[in-house]
């Protein structure tokens, strides 16, 4: 699975970087979902990645993170999960995947 991608929203290019903390937690959750329903696991992943790929076109769209006092760290809410990301000048770093936890990493 290719997790780093180059996206070109409008005239600027923004790269999405998936940190290991996100990858490990997402893969664990996808494996758990797939135990009972592999099709739902694939659907979950596809829908989530569709939303993540849209971030560079409007990185401020999602709420400011509840865990960090930084306007550049945002929370994307998806089916009860929180995907935490950091907006940098030319990249978006996806680093947190949280459900019912106290910390995103």
PDB file of N, CA and C in Angstrom:
ATOM      1  N   UNK A   1       0.845  -1.171   0.000  1.00  0.00           N
ATOM      2  CA  UNK A   1       0.000   0.000   0.000  1.00  0.00           C
ATOM      3  C   UNK A   1       0.894   1.240   0.000  1.00  0.00           C
ATOM      4  N   UNK A   2       0.681   2.132  -0.978  1.00  0.00           N
ATOM      5  CA  UNK A   2       1.447   3.379  -1.035  1.00  0.00           C
ATOM      6  C   UNK A   2       0.763   4.404  -0.144  1.00  0.00           C
ATOM      7  N   UNK A   3       1.489   4.917   0.852  1.00  0.00           N
ATOM      8  CA  UNK A   3       0.878   5.838   1.794  1.00  0.00           C
ATOM      9  C   UNK A   3       1.348   7.272   1.641  1.00  0.00           C
ATOM     10  N   UNK A   4       2.440   7.523   0.954  1.00  0.00           N
ATOM     11  CA  UNK A   4       2.831   8.903   0.679  1.00  0.00           C
ATOM     12  C   UNK A   4       2.306   9.263  -0.697  1.00  0.00           C
ATOM     13  N   UNK A   5       1.725  10.445  -0.833  1.00  0.00           N
ATOM     14  CA  UNK A   5       1.179  10.816  -2.127  1.00  0.00           C
ATOM     15  C   UNK A   5       1.430  12.287  -2.404  1.00  0.00           C
ATOM     16  N   UNK A   6       1.593  12.583  -3.671  1.00  0.00           N
ATOM     17  CA  UNK A   6       1.734  13.969  -4.104  1.00  0.00           C
ATOM     18  C   UNK A   6       0.400  14.418  -4.659  1.00  0.00           C
ATOM     19  N   UNK A   7      -0.123  15.494  -4.110  1.00  0.00           N
ATOM     20  CA  UNK A   7      -1.397  16.030  -4.549  1.00  0.00           C
ATOM     21  C   UNK A   7      -1.180  17.459  -4.990  1.00  0.00           C
ATOM     22  N   UNK A   8      -1.896  17.876  -6.000  1.00  0.00           N
ATOM     23  CA  UNK A   8      -1.736  19.219  -6.521  1.00  0.00           C
ATOM     24  C   UNK A   8      -3.054  19.965  -6.504  1.00  0.00           C
ATOM     25  N   UNK A   9      -3.441  20.514  -5.354  1.00  0.00           N
ATOM     26  CA  UNK A   9      -4.673  21.282  -5.304  1.00  0.00           C
ATOM     27  C   UNK A   9      -4.451  22.666  -5.892  1.00  0.00           C
ATOM     28  N   UNK A  10      -5.239  23.041  -6.844  1.00  0.00           N
ATOM     29  CA  UNK A  10      -5.098  24.356  -7.453  1.00  0.00           C
ATOM     30  C   UNK A  10      -3.726  24.516  -8.076  1.00  0.00           C
ATOM     31  N   UNK A  11      -3.063  25.630  -7.802  1.00  0.00           N
ATOM     32  CA  UNK A  11      -1.763  25.906  -8.402  1.00  0.00           C
ATOM     33  C   UNK A  11      -0.609  25.462  -7.509  1.00  0.00           C
ATOM     34  N   UNK A  12      -0.888  25.154  -6.255  1.00  0.00           N
ATOM     35  CA  UNK A  12       0.175  24.751  -5.340  1.00  0.00           C
ATOM     36  C   UNK A  12       0.175  23.239  -5.160  1.00  0.00           C
ATOM     37  N   UNK A  13       1.334  22.714  -4.814  1.00  0.00           N
ATOM     38  CA  UNK A  13       1.459  21.280  -4.578  1.00  0.00           C
ATOM     39  C   UNK A  13       1.653  21.044  -3.085  1.00  0.00           C
ATOM     40  N   UNK A  14       0.865  20.148  -2.545  1.00  0.00           N
ATOM     41  CA  UNK A  14       0.983  19.777  -1.139  1.00  0.00           C
ATOM     42  C   UNK A  14       1.112  18.268  -1.059  1.00  0.00           C
ATOM     43  N   UNK A  15       2.065  17.819  -0.308  1.00  0.00           N
ATOM     44  CA  UNK A  15       2.317  16.391  -0.173  1.00  0.00           C
ATOM     45  C   UNK A  15       1.723  15.895   1.142  1.00  0.00           C
ATOM     46  N   UNK A  16       1.098  14.736   1.097  1.00  0.00           N
ATOM     47  CA  UNK A  16       0.570  14.120   2.310  1.00  0.00           C
ATOM     48  C   UNK A  16       1.594  13.093   2.793  1.00  0.00           C
ATOM     49  N   UNK A  17       1.939  13.193   4.065  1.00  0.00           N
ATOM     50  CA  UNK A  17       2.892  12.264   4.684  1.00  0.00           C
ATOM     51  C   UNK A  17       2.161  11.522   5.795  1.00  0.00           C
ATOM     52  N   UNK A  18       2.216  10.208   5.754  1.00  0.00           N
ATOM     53  CA  UNK A  18       1.599   9.374   6.784  1.00  0.00           C
ATOM     54  C   UNK A  18       2.683   8.923   7.758  1.00  0.00           C
ATOM     55  N   UNK A  19       2.556   9.337   9.008  1.00  0.00           N
ATOM     56  CA  UNK A  19       3.507   8.951  10.048  1.00  0.00           C
ATOM     57  C   UNK A  19       3.225   7.522  10.516  1.00  0.00           C
ATOM     58  N   UNK A  20       4.259   6.880  11.054  1.00  0.00           N
ATOM     59  CA  UNK A  20       4.135   5.492  11.514  1.00  0.00           C
ATOM     60  C   UNK A  20       3.036   5.319  12.560  1.00  0.00           C
ATOM     61  N   UNK A  21       2.877   6.302  13.446  1.00  0.00           N
ATOM     62  CA  UNK A  21       1.846   6.181  14.482  1.00  0.00           C
ATOM     63  C   UNK A  21       0.460   6.025  13.849  1.00  0.00           C
ATOM     64  N   UNK A  22       0.196   6.773  12.805  1.00  0.00           N
ATOM     65  CA  UNK A  22      -1.087   6.672  12.110  1.00  0.00           C
ATOM     66  C   UNK A  22      -1.211   5.319  11.405  1.00  0.00           C
ATOM     67  N   UNK A  23      -0.184   4.950  10.675  1.00  0.00           N
ATOM     68  CA  UNK A  23      -0.222   3.711   9.885  1.00  0.00           C
ATOM     69  C   UNK A  23      -0.490   2.497  10.771  1.00  0.00           C
ATOM     70  N   UNK A  24       0.238   2.396  11.870  1.00  0.00           N
ATOM     71  CA  UNK A  24       0.098   1.234  12.761  1.00  0.00           C
ATOM     72  C   UNK A  24      -1.310   1.171  13.344  1.00  0.00           C
ATOM     73  N   UNK A  25      -1.811   2.294  13.849  1.00  0.00           N
ATOM     74  CA  UNK A  25      -3.149   2.292  14.453  1.00  0.00           C
ATOM     75  C   UNK A  25      -4.240   2.012  13.421  1.00  0.00           C
ATOM     76  N   UNK A  26      -4.103   2.595  12.238  1.00  0.00           N
ATOM     77  CA  UNK A  26      -5.101   2.343  11.194  1.00  0.00           C
ATOM     78  C   UNK A  26      -5.075   0.880  10.770  1.00  0.00           C
ATOM     79  N   UNK A  27      -3.892   0.335  10.530  1.00  0.00           N
ATOM     80  CA  UNK A  27      -3.802  -1.070  10.124  1.00  0.00           C
ATOM     81  C   UNK A  27      -4.384  -1.998  11.178  1.00  0.00           C
ATOM     82  N   UNK A  28      -4.129  -1.717  12.451  1.00  0.00           N
ATOM     83  CA  UNK A  28      -4.708  -2.533  13.526  1.00  0.00           C
ATOM     84  C   UNK A  28      -6.228  -2.477  13.493  1.00  0.00           C
ATOM     85  N   UNK A  29      -6.780  -1.301  13.288  1.00  0.00           N
ATOM     86  CA  UNK A  29      -8.233  -1.167  13.256  1.00  0.00           C
ATOM     87  C   UNK A  29      -8.825  -1.850  12.021  1.00  0.00           C
ATOM     88  N   UNK A  30      -8.165  -1.705  10.864  1.00  0.00           N
ATOM     89  CA  UNK A  30      -8.647  -2.367   9.650  1.00  0.00           C
ATOM     90  C   UNK A  30      -8.617  -3.888   9.808  1.00  0.00           C
ATOM     91  N   UNK A  31      -7.563  -4.405  10.428  1.00  0.00           N
ATOM     92  CA  UNK A  31      -7.483  -5.853  10.686  1.00  0.00           C
ATOM     93  C   UNK A  31      -8.614  -6.305  11.602  1.00  0.00           C
ATOM     94  N   UNK A  32      -8.911  -5.513  12.625  1.00  0.00           N
ATOM     95  CA  UNK A  32      -9.981  -5.849  13.556  1.00  0.00           C
ATOM     96  C   UNK A  32     -11.334  -5.869  12.843  1.00  0.00           C
ATOM     97  N   UNK A  33     -11.598  -4.865  12.025  1.00  0.00           N
ATOM     98  CA  UNK A  33     -12.863  -4.814  11.271  1.00  0.00           C
ATOM     99  C   UNK A  33     -12.954  -5.995  10.314  1.00  0.00           C
ATOM    100  N   UNK A  34     -11.832  -6.346   9.676  1.00  0.00           N
ATOM    101  CA  UNK A  34     -11.814  -7.415   8.676  1.00  0.00           C
ATOM    102  C   UNK A  34     -12.077  -8.793   9.260  1.00  0.00           C
ATOM    103  N   UNK A  35     -11.887  -8.967  10.545  1.00  0.00           N
ATOM    104  CA  UNK A  35     -12.151 -10.270  11.174  1.00  0.00           C
ATOM    105  C   UNK A  35     -13.588 -10.699  10.901  1.00  0.00           C
ATOM    106  N   UNK A  36     -14.526  -9.781  11.067  1.00  0.00           N
ATOM    107  CA  UNK A  36     -15.935 -10.099  10.862  1.00  0.00           C
ATOM    108  C   UNK A  36     -16.464  -9.701   9.495  1.00  0.00           C
ATOM    109  N   UNK A  37     -15.826  -8.700   8.861  1.00  0.00           N
ATOM    110  CA  UNK A  37     -16.361  -8.226   7.597  1.00  0.00           C
ATOM    111  C   UNK A  37     -15.270  -7.554   6.755  1.00  0.00           C
ATOM    112  N   UNK A  38     -14.566  -8.322   5.942  1.00  0.00           N
ATOM    113  CA  UNK A  38     -13.498  -7.762   5.113  1.00  0.00           C
ATOM    114  C   UNK A  38     -13.979  -6.652   4.173  1.00  0.00           C
ATOM    115  N   UNK A  39     -15.186  -6.776   3.663  1.00  0.00           N
ATOM    116  CA  UNK A  39     -15.709  -5.743   2.760  1.00  0.00           C
ATOM    117  C   UNK A  39     -15.870  -4.406   3.488  1.00  0.00           C
ATOM    118  N   UNK A  40     -16.330  -4.442   4.729  1.00  0.00           N
ATOM    119  CA  UNK A  40     -16.455  -3.205   5.506  1.00  0.00           C
ATOM    120  C   UNK A  40     -15.097  -2.590   5.805  1.00  0.00           C
ATOM    121  N   UNK A  41     -14.104  -3.435   6.016  1.00  0.00           N
ATOM    122  CA  UNK A  41     -12.752  -2.938   6.257  1.00  0.00           C
ATOM    123  C   UNK A  41     -12.243  -2.176   5.035  1.00  0.00           C
ATOM    124  N   UNK A  42     -12.432  -2.751   3.846  1.00  0.00           N
ATOM    125  CA  UNK A  42     -12.009  -2.086   2.608  1.00  0.00           C
ATOM    126  C   UNK A  42     -12.788  -0.789   2.394  1.00  0.00           C
ATOM    127  N   UNK A  43     -14.089  -0.824   2.649  1.00  0.00           N
ATOM    128  CA  UNK A  43     -14.925   0.367   2.477  1.00  0.00           C
ATOM    129  C   UNK A  43     -14.482   1.478   3.434  1.00  0.00           C
ATOM    130  N   UNK A  44     -14.227   1.118   4.681  1.00  0.00           N
ATOM    131  CA  UNK A  44     -13.753   2.075   5.681  1.00  0.00           C
ATOM    132  C   UNK A  44     -12.477   2.748   5.197  1.00  0.00           C
ATOM    133  N   UNK A  45     -11.507   1.936   4.755  1.00  0.00           N
ATOM    134  CA  UNK A  45     -10.225   2.471   4.289  1.00  0.00           C
ATOM    135  C   UNK A  45     -10.408   3.379   3.081  1.00  0.00           C
ATOM    136  N   UNK A  46     -11.193   2.950   2.109  1.00  0.00           N
ATOM    137  CA  UNK A  46     -11.391   3.747   0.894  1.00  0.00           C
ATOM    138  C   UNK A  46     -12.060   5.082   1.192  1.00  0.00           C
ATOM    139  N   UNK A  47     -13.083   5.071   2.034  1.00  0.00           N
ATOM    140  CA  UNK A  47     -13.770   6.318   2.388  1.00  0.00           C
ATOM    141  C   UNK A  47     -12.842   7.255   3.169  1.00  0.00           C
ATOM    142  N   UNK A  48     -12.065   6.694   4.082  1.00  0.00           N
ATOM    143  CA  UNK A  48     -11.141   7.505   4.871  1.00  0.00           C
ATOM    144  C   UNK A  48     -10.087   8.150   3.976  1.00  0.00           C
ATOM    145  N   UNK A  49      -9.495   7.375   3.070  1.00  0.00           N
ATOM    146  CA  UNK A  49      -8.462   7.922   2.204  1.00  0.00           C
ATOM    147  C   UNK A  49      -9.015   8.957   1.230  1.00  0.00           C
ATOM    148  N   UNK A  50     -10.251   8.813   0.830  1.00  0.00           N
ATOM    149  CA  UNK A  50     -10.886   9.826  -0.018  1.00  0.00           C
ATOM    150  C   UNK A  50     -10.939  11.160   0.726  1.00  0.00           C
ATOM    151  N   UNK A  51     -11.310  11.132   2.008  1.00  0.00           N
ATOM    152  CA  UNK A  51     -11.359  12.353   2.815  1.00  0.00           C
ATOM    153  C   UNK A  51      -9.962  12.926   3.055  1.00  0.00           C
ATOM    154  N   UNK A  52      -9.002  12.052   3.328  1.00  0.00           N
ATOM    155  CA  UNK A  52      -7.630  12.518   3.568  1.00  0.00           C
ATOM    156  C   UNK A  52      -7.061  13.175   2.313  1.00  0.00           C
ATOM    157  N   UNK A  53      -7.305  12.582   1.149  1.00  0.00           N
ATOM    158  CA  UNK A  53      -6.781  13.149  -0.095  1.00  0.00           C
ATOM    159  C   UNK A  53      -7.374  14.524  -0.395  1.00  0.00           C
ATOM    160  N   UNK A  54      -8.519  14.842   0.192  1.00  0.00           N
ATOM    161  CA  UNK A  54      -9.147  16.150  -0.026  1.00  0.00           C
ATOM    162  C   UNK A  54      -8.579  17.234   0.889  1.00  0.00           C
ATOM    163  N   UNK A  55      -7.835  16.868   1.913  1.00  0.00           N
ATOM    164  CA  UNK A  55      -7.320  17.848   2.882  1.00  0.00           C
ATOM    165  C   UNK A  55      -6.510  18.971   2.219  1.00  0.00           C
ATOM    166  N   UNK A  56      -5.569  18.675   1.317  1.00  0.00           N
ATOM    167  CA  UNK A  56      -4.753  19.758   0.761  1.00  0.00           C
ATOM    168  C   UNK A  56      -5.548  20.864   0.054  1.00  0.00           C
ATOM    169  N   UNK A  57      -6.710  20.552  -0.462  1.00  0.00           N
ATOM    170  CA  UNK A  57      -7.489  21.591  -1.146  1.00  0.00           C
ATOM    171  C   UNK A  57      -8.069  22.608  -0.170  1.00  0.00           C
ATOM    172  N   UNK A  58      -8.213  22.227   1.099  1.00  0.00           N
ATOM    173  CA  UNK A  58      -8.711  23.142   2.136  1.00  0.00           C
ATOM    174  C   UNK A  58      -8.264  22.618   3.504  1.00  0.00           C
ATOM    175  N   UNK A  59      -6.985  22.762   3.838  1.00  0.00           N
ATOM    176  CA  UNK A  59      -6.448  22.152   5.064  1.00  0.00           C
ATOM    177  C   UNK A  59      -7.078  22.664   6.357  1.00  0.00           C
ATOM    178  N   UNK A  60      -7.605  23.868   6.361  1.00  0.00           N
ATOM    179  CA  UNK A  60      -8.211  24.443   7.568  1.00  0.00           C
ATOM    180  C   UNK A  60      -9.679  24.032   7.747  1.00  0.00           C
ATOM    181  N   UNK A  61     -10.201  23.230   6.846  1.00  0.00           N
ATOM    182  CA  UNK A  61     -11.619  22.845   6.874  1.00  0.00           C
ATOM    183  C   UNK A  61     -12.024  22.173   8.189  1.00  0.00           C
ATOM    184  N   UNK A  62     -11.185  21.333   8.703  1.00  0.00           N
ATOM    185  CA  UNK A  62     -11.517  20.558   9.900  1.00  0.00           C
ATOM    186  C   UNK A  62     -11.162  21.341  11.156  1.00  0.00           C
ATOM    187  N   UNK A  63     -11.777  20.947  12.260  1.00  0.00           N
ATOM    188  CA  UNK A  63     -11.628  21.716  13.498  1.00  0.00           C
ATOM    189  C   UNK A  63     -10.190  21.711  14.014  1.00  0.00           C
ATOM    190  N   UNK A  64      -9.869  22.758  14.772  1.00  0.00           N
ATOM    191  CA  UNK A  64      -8.595  22.821  15.482  1.00  0.00           C
ATOM    192  C   UNK A  64      -8.566  21.646  16.459  1.00  0.00           C
ATOM    193  N   UNK A  65      -7.420  21.014  16.590  1.00  0.00           N
ATOM    194  CA  UNK A  65      -7.308  19.835  17.435  1.00  0.00           C
ATOM    195  C   UNK A  65      -7.645  20.148  18.893  1.00  0.00           C
ATOM    196  N   UNK A  66      -8.352  19.226  19.520  1.00  0.00           N
ATOM    197  CA  UNK A  66      -8.676  19.390  20.938  1.00  0.00           C
ATOM    198  C   UNK A  66      -7.497  18.996  21.826  1.00  0.00           C
ATOM    199  N   UNK A  67      -6.472  18.346  21.243  1.00  0.00           N
ATOM    200  CA  UNK A  67      -5.326  17.887  22.031  1.00  0.00           C
ATOM    201  C   UNK A  67      -4.145  18.842  21.990  1.00  0.00           C
ATOM    202  N   UNK A  68      -4.125  19.753  21.034  1.00  0.00           N
ATOM    203  CA  UNK A  68      -2.969  20.639  20.852  1.00  0.00           C
ATOM    204  C   UNK A  68      -3.425  22.089  20.756  1.00  0.00           C
ATOM    205  N   UNK A  69      -2.651  22.977  21.323  1.00  0.00           N
ATOM    206  CA  UNK A  69      -2.931  24.407  21.239  1.00  0.00           C
ATOM    207  C   UNK A  69      -2.144  24.977  20.060  1.00  0.00           C
ATOM    208  N   UNK A  70      -2.540  24.564  18.857  1.00  0.00           N
ATOM    209  CA  UNK A  70      -1.840  24.954  17.639  1.00  0.00           C
ATOM    210  C   UNK A  70      -2.852  24.967  16.498  1.00  0.00           C
ATOM    211  N   UNK A  71      -3.033  26.112  15.859  1.00  0.00           N
ATOM    212  CA  UNK A  71      -4.002  26.245  14.762  1.00  0.00           C
ATOM    213  C   UNK A  71      -3.666  25.349  13.574  1.00  0.00           C
ATOM    214  N   UNK A  72      -2.405  24.934  13.462  1.00  0.00           N
ATOM    215  CA  UNK A  72      -1.995  24.105  12.334  1.00  0.00           C
ATOM    216  C   UNK A  72      -2.156  22.607  12.587  1.00  0.00           C
ATOM    217  N   UNK A  73      -2.644  22.237  13.748  1.00  0.00           N
ATOM    218  CA  UNK A  73      -2.935  20.828  14.031  1.00  0.00           C
ATOM    219  C   UNK A  73      -4.451  20.695  14.085  1.00  0.00           C
ATOM    220  N   UNK A  74      -4.990  19.829  13.220  1.00  0.00           N
ATOM    221  CA  UNK A  74      -6.431  19.736  13.014  1.00  0.00           C
ATOM    222  C   UNK A  74      -6.930  18.320  13.258  1.00  0.00           C
ATOM    223  N   UNK A  75      -8.231  18.211  13.506  1.00  0.00           N
ATOM    224  CA  UNK A  75      -8.902  16.928  13.727  1.00  0.00           C
ATOM    225  C   UNK A  75      -9.935  16.686  12.631  1.00  0.00           C
ATOM    226  N   UNK A  76      -9.738  15.646  11.862  1.00  0.00           N
ATOM    227  CA  UNK A  76     -10.736  15.195  10.902  1.00  0.00           C
ATOM    228  C   UNK A  76     -11.546  14.105  11.599  1.00  0.00           C
ATOM    229  N   UNK A  77     -12.848  14.275  11.688  1.00  0.00           N
ATOM    230  CA  UNK A  77     -13.708  13.289  12.346  1.00  0.00           C
ATOM    231  C   UNK A  77     -14.313  12.386  11.275  1.00  0.00           C
ATOM    232  N   UNK A  78     -14.194  11.069  11.480  1.00  0.00           N
ATOM    233  CA  UNK A  78     -14.684  10.097  10.516  1.00  0.00           C
ATOM    234  C   UNK A  78     -15.220   8.877  11.260  1.00  0.00           C
ATOM    235  N   UNK A  79     -16.533   8.679  11.197  1.00  0.00           N
ATOM    236  CA  UNK A  79     -17.197   7.507  11.792  1.00  0.00           C
ATOM    237  C   UNK A  79     -16.775   7.262  13.242  1.00  0.00           C
ATOM    238  N   UNK A  80     -16.700   8.321  14.031  1.00  0.00           N
ATOM    239  CA  UNK A  80     -16.348   8.193  15.441  1.00  0.00           C
ATOM    240  C   UNK A  80     -14.859   8.183  15.725  1.00  0.00           C
ATOM    241  N   UNK A  81     -14.042   8.194  14.684  1.00  0.00           N
ATOM    242  CA  UNK A  81     -12.591   8.236  14.827  1.00  0.00           C
ATOM    243  C   UNK A  81     -12.119   9.662  14.581  1.00  0.00           C
ATOM    244  N   UNK A  82     -11.012  10.019  15.187  1.00  0.00           N
ATOM    245  CA  UNK A  82     -10.398  11.318  14.949  1.00  0.00           C
ATOM    246  C   UNK A  82      -9.044  11.084  14.298  1.00  0.00           C
ATOM    247  N   UNK A  83      -8.859  11.684  13.131  1.00  0.00           N
ATOM    248  CA  UNK A  83      -7.595  11.620  12.418  1.00  0.00           C
ATOM    249  C   UNK A  83      -6.925  12.973  12.643  1.00  0.00           C
ATOM    250  N   UNK A  84      -5.773  12.972  13.281  1.00  0.00           N
ATOM    251  CA  UNK A  84      -5.088  14.205  13.654  1.00  0.00           C
ATOM    252  C   UNK A  84      -3.988  14.468  12.627  1.00  0.00           C
ATOM    253  N   UNK A  85      -3.956  15.719  12.127  1.00  0.00           N
ATOM    254  CA  UNK A  85      -2.944  16.071  11.140  1.00  0.00           C
ATOM    255  C   UNK A  85      -2.371  17.459  11.385  1.00  0.00           C
ATOM    256  N   UNK A  86      -1.151  17.642  10.899  1.00  0.00           N
ATOM    257  CA  UNK A  86      -0.431  18.917  11.031  1.00  0.00           C
ATOM    258  C   UNK A  86      -0.272  19.528   9.646  1.00  0.00           C
ATOM    259  N   UNK A  87      -0.593  20.807   9.546  1.00  0.00           N
ATOM    260  CA  UNK A  87      -0.435  21.534   8.293  1.00  0.00           C
ATOM    261  C   UNK A  87       0.915  22.241   8.311  1.00  0.00           C
ATOM    262  N   UNK A  88       1.754  21.930   7.349  1.00  0.00           N
ATOM    263  CA  UNK A  88       3.029  22.615   7.155  1.00  0.00           C
ATOM    264  C   UNK A  88       2.957  23.390   5.846  1.00  0.00           C
ATOM    265  N   UNK A  89       4.014  24.080   5.503  1.00  0.00           N
ATOM    266  CA  UNK A  89       4.002  24.916   4.307  1.00  0.00           C
ATOM    267  C   UNK A  89       3.697  24.115   3.041  1.00  0.00           C
ATOM    268  N   UNK A  90       4.345  22.985   2.861  1.00  0.00           N
ATOM    269  CA  UNK A  90       4.151  22.208   1.636  1.00  0.00           C
ATOM    270  C   UNK A  90       3.710  20.769   1.894  1.00  0.00           C
ATOM    271  N   UNK A  91       3.428  20.441   3.159  1.00  0.00           N
ATOM    272  CA  UNK A  91       3.003  19.076   3.484  1.00  0.00           C
ATOM    273  C   UNK A  91       1.856  19.078   4.487  1.00  0.00           C
ATOM    274  N   UNK A  92       1.161  17.968   4.493  1.00  0.00           N
ATOM    275  CA  UNK A  92       0.182  17.661   5.534  1.00  0.00           C
ATOM    276  C   UNK A  92       0.655  16.358   6.152  1.00  0.00           C
ATOM    277  N   UNK A  93       0.927  16.368   7.458  1.00  0.00           N
ATOM    278  CA  UNK A  93       1.384  15.170   8.156  1.00  0.00           C
ATOM    279  C   UNK A  93       0.216  14.541   8.904  1.00  0.00           C
ATOM    280  N   UNK A  94      -0.145  13.345   8.510  1.00  0.00           N
ATOM    281  CA  UNK A  94      -1.198  12.599   9.187  1.00  0.00           C
ATOM    282  C   UNK A  94      -0.513  11.762  10.263  1.00  0.00           C
ATOM    283  N   UNK A  95      -0.801  12.047  11.548  1.00  0.00           N
ATOM    284  CA  UNK A  95      -0.043  11.337  12.587  1.00  0.00           C
ATOM    285  C   UNK A  95      -0.896  10.694  13.665  1.00  0.00           C
ATOM    286  N   UNK A  96      -2.157  11.034  13.799  1.00  0.00           N
ATOM    287  CA  UNK A  96      -2.958  10.458  14.868  1.00  0.00           C
ATOM    288  C   UNK A  96      -4.199   9.759  14.356  1.00  0.00           C
ATOM    289  N   UNK A  97      -4.545   8.667  15.013  1.00  0.00           N
ATOM    290  CA  UNK A  97      -5.777   7.919  14.707  1.00  0.00           C
ATOM    291  C   UNK A  97      -6.343   7.499  16.051  1.00  0.00           C
ATOM    292  N   UNK A  98      -7.454   8.118  16.459  1.00  0.00           N
ATOM    293  CA  UNK A  98      -7.929   7.999  17.829  1.00  0.00           C
ATOM    294  C   UNK A  98      -9.398   7.599  17.872  1.00  0.00           C
ATOM    295  N   UNK A  99      -9.719   6.705  18.787  1.00  0.00           N
ATOM    296  CA  UNK A  99     -11.104   6.425  19.156  1.00  0.00           C
ATOM    297  C   UNK A  99     -11.107   6.065  20.632  1.00  0.00           C
ATOM    298  N   UNK A 100     -11.787   6.878  21.419  1.00  0.00           N
ATOM    299  CA  UNK A 100     -11.903   6.624  22.857  1.00  0.00           C
ATOM    300  C   UNK A 100     -10.544   6.487  23.535  1.00  0.00           C
ATOM    301  N   UNK A 101      -9.622   7.362  23.169  1.00  0.00           N
ATOM    302  CA  UNK A 101      -8.298   7.361  23.791  1.00  0.00           C
ATOM    303  C   UNK A 101      -8.034   8.749  24.340  1.00  0.00           C
ATOM    304  N   UNK A 102      -7.043   8.861  25.146  1.00  0.00           N
ATOM    305  CA  UNK A 102      -6.713  10.146  25.749  1.00  0.00           C
ATOM    306  C   UNK A 102      -5.677  10.926  24.962  1.00  0.00           C
ATOM    307  N   UNK A 103      -4.958  10.265  24.070  1.00  0.00           N
ATOM    308  CA  UNK A 103      -3.897  10.922  23.321  1.00  0.00           C
ATOM    309  C   UNK A 103      -3.871  10.393  21.886  1.00  0.00           C
ATOM    310  N   UNK A 104      -3.646  11.270  20.896  1.00  0.00           N
ATOM    311  CA  UNK A 104      -3.678  10.830  19.507  1.00  0.00           C
ATOM    312  C   UNK A 104      -2.435  10.083  19.031  1.00  0.00           C
ATOM    313  N   UNK A 105      -1.377  10.050  19.845  1.00  0.00           N
ATOM    314  CA  UNK A 105      -0.175   9.321  19.400  1.00  0.00           C
ATOM    315  C   UNK A 105       0.247   8.313  20.442  1.00  0.00           C
TER     316      UNK A 105
END
